[in-house]
Amino acid sequence: MKKGDLLLRIDPRELGAAKEQAQAELAQAKAAQRKAELDEKRQQQLFDKRVASQEVYDNAVQANLAAHAGVASAQAALDKAELNLALVGIFLIPVCYVFVQRLAELRKKRATAVPVRPTEGAAPVSSNL
């Protein structure tokens, strides 16, 4: 293997599915936000007429704020999914023999590793190779 050789090719289907899921979650968040806005407006009118309590109105305000945060979070997830998808393609990674050799050694060790159960109360240890 020499510098500039193809090291890996990423299949974009999983990332495409992640983008579609993020789009759907954003649509759901926007729908929830719209309902929360309407609920808050309705509760404001009822509160102004002294039909709804302060607590009910406050809950509607907080639900609306949470819905806005949900939209922002869903938009960030979509942005990340789109970025990941944009970075897909063929990656030509400058590599050296030492890197490839070390990667092979780590994979071999992982394949032959014996699972160890953590002692009670110990935090599990994971490796993402």
N, C-alpha and C. Protein backbone atom coordinates (compact mmCIF):
# COMPACT_ATOMS: atom_id res chain seq x y z
N MET A 1 0.85 -1.17 0.00
CA MET A 1 0.00 0.00 0.00
C MET A 1 0.89 1.23 0.00
N LYS A 2 0.50 2.20 -0.79
CA LYS A 2 1.31 3.42 -0.87
C LYS A 2 0.41 4.64 -0.69
N LYS A 3 1.03 5.77 -0.47
CA LYS A 3 0.32 7.02 -0.26
C LYS A 3 -0.62 7.28 -1.43
N GLY A 4 -1.89 7.63 -1.09
CA GLY A 4 -2.87 7.93 -2.12
C GLY A 4 -3.72 6.74 -2.52
N ASP A 5 -3.37 5.52 -2.04
CA ASP A 5 -4.17 4.34 -2.35
C ASP A 5 -5.53 4.44 -1.65
N LEU A 6 -6.53 3.82 -2.25
CA LEU A 6 -7.86 3.79 -1.66
C LEU A 6 -7.82 2.95 -0.40
N LEU A 7 -8.19 3.53 0.72
CA LEU A 7 -8.18 2.83 1.99
C LEU A 7 -9.58 2.33 2.33
N LEU A 8 -10.58 3.12 2.05
CA LEU A 8 -11.93 2.71 2.34
C LEU A 8 -12.91 3.47 1.46
N ARG A 9 -14.07 2.87 1.30
CA ARG A 9 -15.15 3.51 0.57
C ARG A 9 -16.37 3.42 1.49
N ILE A 10 -17.03 4.53 1.69
CA ILE A 10 -18.18 4.56 2.58
C ILE A 10 -19.46 4.46 1.76
N ASP A 11 -20.33 3.57 2.16
CA ASP A 11 -21.62 3.39 1.51
C ASP A 11 -22.55 4.50 2.01
N PRO A 12 -23.05 5.35 1.12
CA PRO A 12 -23.85 6.49 1.55
C PRO A 12 -25.30 6.15 1.94
N ARG A 13 -25.73 4.91 1.74
CA ARG A 13 -27.14 4.58 2.01
C ARG A 13 -27.52 4.79 3.47
N GLU A 14 -26.65 4.39 4.38
CA GLU A 14 -26.96 4.57 5.80
C GLU A 14 -27.02 6.06 6.15
N LEU A 15 -26.11 6.82 5.61
CA LEU A 15 -26.12 8.26 5.88
C LEU A 15 -27.32 8.93 5.23
N GLY A 16 -27.72 8.44 4.06
CA GLY A 16 -28.91 8.97 3.41
C GLY A 16 -30.16 8.68 4.23
N ALA A 17 -30.22 7.49 4.80
CA ALA A 17 -31.35 7.14 5.66
C ALA A 17 -31.36 8.00 6.92
N ALA A 18 -30.18 8.28 7.46
CA ALA A 18 -30.08 9.15 8.64
C ALA A 18 -30.57 10.55 8.32
N LYS A 19 -30.27 11.03 7.11
CA LYS A 19 -30.75 12.35 6.70
C LYS A 19 -32.27 12.35 6.59
N GLU A 20 -32.82 11.30 5.98
CA GLU A 20 -34.28 11.22 5.84
C GLU A 20 -34.95 11.15 7.21
N GLN A 21 -34.35 10.41 8.13
CA GLN A 21 -34.91 10.34 9.48
C GLN A 21 -34.86 11.71 10.15
N ALA A 22 -33.75 12.42 9.97
CA ALA A 22 -33.62 13.76 10.56
C ALA A 22 -34.64 14.72 9.96
N GLN A 23 -34.90 14.59 8.67
CA GLN A 23 -35.91 15.43 8.02
C GLN A 23 -37.29 15.15 8.62
N ALA A 24 -37.60 13.89 8.82
CA ALA A 24 -38.90 13.52 9.40
C ALA A 24 -39.03 14.03 10.83
N GLU A 25 -37.95 13.91 11.59
CA GLU A 25 -37.98 14.38 12.98
C GLU A 25 -38.12 15.89 13.04
N LEU A 26 -37.52 16.60 12.09
CA LEU A 26 -37.68 18.05 12.03
C LEU A 26 -39.13 18.40 11.70
N ALA A 27 -39.74 17.68 10.78
CA ALA A 27 -41.14 17.94 10.44
C ALA A 27 -42.04 17.70 11.66
N GLN A 28 -41.76 16.63 12.41
CA GLN A 28 -42.54 16.36 13.62
C GLN A 28 -42.35 17.48 14.65
N ALA A 29 -41.12 17.92 14.80
CA ALA A 29 -40.83 18.98 15.77
C ALA A 29 -41.53 20.28 15.38
N LYS A 30 -41.55 20.58 14.09
CA LYS A 30 -42.23 21.80 13.63
C LYS A 30 -43.73 21.71 13.85
N ALA A 31 -44.30 20.52 13.65
CA ALA A 31 -45.74 20.33 13.90
C ALA A 31 -46.04 20.50 15.39
N ALA A 32 -45.20 19.94 16.24
CA ALA A 32 -45.38 20.08 17.69
C ALA A 32 -45.23 21.54 18.11
N GLN A 33 -44.31 22.24 17.48
CA GLN A 33 -44.11 23.65 17.78
C GLN A 33 -45.34 24.47 17.41
N ARG A 34 -45.91 24.19 16.24
CA ARG A 34 -47.11 24.92 15.80
C ARG A 34 -48.27 24.70 16.76
N LYS A 35 -48.44 23.45 17.20
CA LYS A 35 -49.50 23.16 18.16
C LYS A 35 -49.25 23.87 19.48
N ALA A 36 -48.02 23.87 19.93
CA ALA A 36 -47.68 24.54 21.19
C ALA A 36 -47.93 26.04 21.10
N GLU A 37 -47.62 26.62 19.94
CA GLU A 37 -47.89 28.05 19.75
C GLU A 37 -49.39 28.34 19.83
N LEU A 38 -50.19 27.50 19.18
CA LEU A 38 -51.64 27.68 19.22
C LEU A 38 -52.19 27.47 20.64
N ASP A 39 -51.68 26.45 21.32
CA ASP A 39 -52.11 26.21 22.70
C ASP A 39 -51.77 27.40 23.60
N GLU A 40 -50.58 27.94 23.43
CA GLU A 40 -50.20 29.09 24.26
C GLU A 40 -51.10 30.28 23.97
N LYS A 41 -51.37 30.53 22.70
CA LYS A 41 -52.24 31.65 22.33
C LYS A 41 -53.64 31.46 22.93
N ARG A 42 -54.15 30.23 22.83
CA ARG A 42 -55.47 29.92 23.37
C ARG A 42 -55.48 30.11 24.89
N GLN A 43 -54.45 29.61 25.56
CA GLN A 43 -54.39 29.75 27.02
C GLN A 43 -54.21 31.21 27.44
N GLN A 44 -53.51 31.98 26.63
CA GLN A 44 -53.36 33.41 26.91
C GLN A 44 -54.72 34.10 26.88
N GLN A 45 -55.52 33.78 25.85
CA GLN A 45 -56.86 34.38 25.75
C GLN A 45 -57.74 33.96 26.93
N LEU A 46 -57.67 32.69 27.30
CA LEU A 46 -58.47 32.21 28.43
C LEU A 46 -57.99 32.82 29.74
N PHE A 47 -56.68 32.95 29.88
CA PHE A 47 -56.13 33.57 31.09
C PHE A 47 -56.55 35.04 31.19
N ASP A 48 -56.51 35.74 30.07
CA ASP A 48 -56.92 37.15 30.06
C ASP A 48 -58.38 37.32 30.46
N LYS A 49 -59.20 36.31 30.13
CA LYS A 49 -60.63 36.35 30.48
C LYS A 49 -60.88 35.76 31.87
N ARG A 50 -59.82 35.38 32.55
CA ARG A 50 -59.87 34.78 33.88
C ARG A 50 -60.59 33.42 33.88
N VAL A 51 -60.48 32.71 32.75
CA VAL A 51 -61.08 31.38 32.65
C VAL A 51 -60.02 30.31 32.95
N ALA A 52 -58.79 30.56 32.55
CA ALA A 52 -57.69 29.62 32.79
C ALA A 52 -56.83 30.14 33.94
N SER A 53 -56.24 29.21 34.66
CA SER A 53 -55.38 29.60 35.78
C SER A 53 -53.99 30.01 35.29
N GLN A 54 -53.25 30.67 36.16
CA GLN A 54 -51.88 31.06 35.85
C GLN A 54 -51.04 29.82 35.57
N GLU A 55 -51.27 28.76 36.32
CA GLU A 55 -50.51 27.53 36.15
C GLU A 55 -50.73 26.92 34.77
N VAL A 56 -51.96 26.87 34.33
CA VAL A 56 -52.27 26.31 33.01
C VAL A 56 -51.62 27.15 31.92
N TYR A 57 -51.70 28.45 32.06
CA TYR A 57 -51.06 29.34 31.08
C TYR A 57 -49.54 29.17 31.11
N ASP A 58 -48.95 29.12 32.28
CA ASP A 58 -47.49 28.92 32.40
C ASP A 58 -47.05 27.61 31.76
N ASN A 59 -47.85 26.57 31.95
CA ASN A 59 -47.53 25.27 31.33
C ASN A 59 -47.54 25.38 29.81
N ALA A 60 -48.49 26.12 29.27
CA ALA A 60 -48.57 26.30 27.82
C ALA A 60 -47.36 27.09 27.32
N VAL A 61 -46.93 28.09 28.07
CA VAL A 61 -45.75 28.88 27.69
C VAL A 61 -44.51 27.99 27.69
N GLN A 62 -44.35 27.19 28.73
CA GLN A 62 -43.19 26.31 28.83
C GLN A 62 -43.20 25.24 27.74
N ALA A 63 -44.38 24.71 27.42
CA ALA A 63 -44.48 23.72 26.35
C ALA A 63 -44.08 24.34 25.02
N ASN A 64 -44.43 25.58 24.81
CA ASN A 64 -44.05 26.28 23.58
C ASN A 64 -42.54 26.48 23.52
N LEU A 65 -41.95 26.88 24.63
CA LEU A 65 -40.50 27.05 24.67
C LEU A 65 -39.79 25.72 24.40
N ALA A 66 -40.30 24.64 24.99
CA ALA A 66 -39.70 23.33 24.77
C ALA A 66 -39.85 22.91 23.31
N ALA A 67 -40.98 23.23 22.71
CA ALA A 67 -41.20 22.89 21.30
C ALA A 67 -40.23 23.65 20.40
N HIS A 68 -39.97 24.91 20.72
CA HIS A 68 -38.99 25.68 19.94
C HIS A 68 -37.60 25.05 20.07
N ALA A 69 -37.25 24.61 21.28
CA ALA A 69 -35.96 23.95 21.47
C ALA A 69 -35.91 22.63 20.70
N GLY A 70 -37.03 21.94 20.65
CA GLY A 70 -37.09 20.68 19.89
C GLY A 70 -36.84 20.91 18.41
N VAL A 71 -37.36 22.01 17.88
CA VAL A 71 -37.11 22.34 16.47
C VAL A 71 -35.64 22.65 16.26
N ALA A 72 -35.05 23.41 17.16
CA ALA A 72 -33.63 23.75 17.02
C ALA A 72 -32.77 22.48 17.08
N SER A 73 -33.10 21.57 17.98
CA SER A 73 -32.36 20.33 18.09
C SER A 73 -32.51 19.47 16.84
N ALA A 74 -33.73 19.38 16.33
CA ALA A 74 -33.98 18.58 15.12
C ALA A 74 -33.28 19.21 13.92
N GLN A 75 -33.24 20.53 13.86
CA GLN A 75 -32.55 21.20 12.75
C GLN A 75 -31.05 20.93 12.82
N ALA A 76 -30.50 20.93 14.03
CA ALA A 76 -29.07 20.64 14.19
C ALA A 76 -28.77 19.20 13.76
N ALA A 77 -29.66 18.27 14.10
CA ALA A 77 -29.47 16.87 13.69
C ALA A 77 -29.52 16.74 12.17
N LEU A 78 -30.43 17.47 11.54
CA LEU A 78 -30.51 17.45 10.08
C LEU A 78 -29.26 18.05 9.46
N ASP A 79 -28.80 19.17 10.01
CA ASP A 79 -27.57 19.79 9.50
C ASP A 79 -26.39 18.82 9.59
N LYS A 80 -26.30 18.11 10.71
CA LYS A 80 -25.22 17.14 10.88
C LYS A 80 -25.34 16.01 9.87
N ALA A 81 -26.55 15.50 9.68
CA ALA A 81 -26.77 14.41 8.72
C ALA A 81 -26.42 14.85 7.31
N GLU A 82 -26.78 16.08 6.96
CA GLU A 82 -26.46 16.60 5.62
C GLU A 82 -24.95 16.76 5.45
N LEU A 83 -24.29 17.23 6.49
CA LEU A 83 -22.84 17.37 6.43
C LEU A 83 -22.17 16.01 6.26
N ASN A 84 -22.60 15.04 7.05
CA ASN A 84 -22.03 13.70 6.94
C ASN A 84 -22.23 13.13 5.54
N LEU A 85 -23.39 13.35 4.97
CA LEU A 85 -23.68 12.84 3.64
C LEU A 85 -22.84 13.56 2.59
N ALA A 86 -22.62 14.85 2.79
CA ALA A 86 -21.81 15.62 1.85
C ALA A 86 -20.35 15.17 1.85
N LEU A 87 -19.89 14.65 2.98
CA LEU A 87 -18.50 14.22 3.09
C LEU A 87 -18.26 12.82 2.54
N VAL A 88 -19.34 12.13 2.21
CA VAL A 88 -19.23 10.77 1.69
C VAL A 88 -18.73 10.80 0.26
N GLY A 89 -18.20 9.74 -0.13
CA GLY A 89 -17.69 9.59 -1.48
C GLY A 89 -16.51 8.66 -1.37
N ILE A 90 -15.58 8.89 -2.18
CA ILE A 90 -14.36 8.10 -2.10
C ILE A 90 -13.33 8.93 -1.36
N PHE A 91 -12.86 8.38 -0.27
CA PHE A 91 -11.85 9.07 0.52
C PHE A 91 -10.49 8.53 0.14
N LEU A 92 -9.68 9.39 -0.37
CA LEU A 92 -8.29 9.01 -0.61
C LEU A 92 -7.50 9.53 0.57
N ILE A 93 -7.09 8.62 1.37
CA ILE A 93 -6.41 8.99 2.60
C ILE A 93 -4.93 8.68 2.46
N PRO A 94 -4.10 9.70 2.66
CA PRO A 94 -2.67 9.41 2.62
C PRO A 94 -2.33 8.46 3.77
N VAL A 95 -1.81 7.31 3.42
CA VAL A 95 -1.49 6.33 4.44
C VAL A 95 -0.06 5.88 4.29
N CYS A 96 0.41 5.33 5.33
CA CYS A 96 1.74 4.73 5.28
C CYS A 96 1.62 3.28 5.75
N TYR A 97 2.57 2.52 5.44
CA TYR A 97 2.54 1.10 5.77
C TYR A 97 2.40 0.87 7.27
N VAL A 98 3.04 1.70 8.08
CA VAL A 98 3.00 1.52 9.53
C VAL A 98 1.56 1.66 10.03
N PHE A 99 0.83 2.63 9.52
CA PHE A 99 -0.56 2.83 9.93
C PHE A 99 -1.40 1.60 9.58
N VAL A 100 -1.28 1.13 8.36
CA VAL A 100 -2.05 -0.03 7.91
C VAL A 100 -1.69 -1.26 8.73
N GLN A 101 -0.41 -1.44 8.99
CA GLN A 101 0.05 -2.58 9.79
C GLN A 101 -0.53 -2.51 11.20
N ARG A 102 -0.50 -1.34 11.81
CA ARG A 102 -1.02 -1.18 13.18
C ARG A 102 -2.53 -1.42 13.21
N LEU A 103 -3.24 -0.95 12.22
CA LEU A 103 -4.67 -1.18 12.15
C LEU A 103 -4.98 -2.67 12.05
N ALA A 104 -4.22 -3.37 11.24
CA ALA A 104 -4.40 -4.82 11.10
C ALA A 104 -4.14 -5.53 12.43
N GLU A 105 -3.11 -5.10 13.14
CA GLU A 105 -2.80 -5.70 14.44
C GLU A 105 -3.93 -5.48 15.44
N LEU A 106 -4.48 -4.26 15.46
CA LEU A 106 -5.57 -3.95 16.38
C LEU A 106 -6.81 -4.77 16.06
N ARG A 107 -7.11 -4.91 14.79
CA ARG A 107 -8.27 -5.71 14.40
C ARG A 107 -8.07 -7.18 14.78
N LYS A 108 -6.85 -7.67 14.61
CA LYS A 108 -6.57 -9.06 14.95
C LYS A 108 -6.73 -9.27 16.46
N LYS A 109 -6.23 -8.34 17.24
CA LYS A 109 -6.37 -8.43 18.70
C LYS A 109 -7.83 -8.39 19.11
N ARG A 110 -8.58 -7.53 18.46
CA ARG A 110 -10.00 -7.40 18.78
C ARG A 110 -10.75 -8.68 18.43
N ALA A 111 -10.40 -9.30 17.32
CA ALA A 111 -11.07 -10.52 16.90
C ALA A 111 -10.79 -11.68 17.83
N THR A 112 -9.62 -11.68 18.47
CA THR A 112 -9.26 -12.79 19.35
C THR A 112 -9.43 -12.44 20.82
N ALA A 113 -9.93 -11.27 21.11
CA ALA A 113 -10.09 -10.85 22.50
C ALA A 113 -11.16 -11.69 23.20
N VAL A 114 -10.92 -11.97 24.45
CA VAL A 114 -11.86 -12.72 25.27
C VAL A 114 -12.70 -11.71 26.03
N PRO A 115 -14.04 -11.82 25.93
CA PRO A 115 -14.88 -10.86 26.65
C PRO A 115 -14.68 -10.99 28.16
N VAL A 116 -14.61 -9.87 28.82
CA VAL A 116 -14.41 -9.84 30.26
C VAL A 116 -15.61 -9.15 30.88
N ARG A 117 -16.17 -9.78 31.89
CA ARG A 117 -17.31 -9.16 32.58
C ARG A 117 -16.78 -8.23 33.65
N PRO A 118 -17.31 -7.00 33.71
CA PRO A 118 -16.84 -6.07 34.74
C PRO A 118 -17.27 -6.53 36.13
N THR A 119 -16.46 -6.20 37.12
CA THR A 119 -16.82 -6.54 38.48
C THR A 119 -17.99 -5.66 38.89
N GLU A 120 -18.69 -6.09 39.91
CA GLU A 120 -19.87 -5.35 40.34
C GLU A 120 -19.50 -3.93 40.74
N GLY A 121 -20.24 -2.98 40.20
CA GLY A 121 -20.00 -1.58 40.51
C GLY A 121 -19.00 -0.91 39.60
N ALA A 122 -18.28 -1.68 38.79
CA ALA A 122 -17.29 -1.11 37.88
C ALA A 122 -17.99 -0.64 36.61
N ALA A 123 -17.53 0.44 36.08
CA ALA A 123 -18.07 0.96 34.83
C ALA A 123 -17.57 0.12 33.67
N PRO A 124 -18.43 -0.19 32.71
CA PRO A 124 -17.98 -0.96 31.54
C PRO A 124 -17.03 -0.14 30.69
N VAL A 125 -16.12 -0.83 30.06
CA VAL A 125 -15.14 -0.18 29.20
C VAL A 125 -15.44 -0.64 27.78
N SER A 126 -15.44 0.32 26.84
CA SER A 126 -15.70 -0.06 25.46
C SER A 126 -14.61 0.50 24.57
N SER A 127 -14.45 -0.13 23.45
CA SER A 127 -13.47 0.29 22.47
C SER A 127 -14.14 0.38 21.12
N ASN A 128 -13.93 1.47 20.41
CA ASN A 128 -14.54 1.65 19.09
C ASN A 128 -13.46 1.63 18.03
N LEU A 129 -13.02 0.47 17.68
CA LEU A 129 -12.00 0.34 16.65
C LEU A 129 -12.65 0.17 15.33
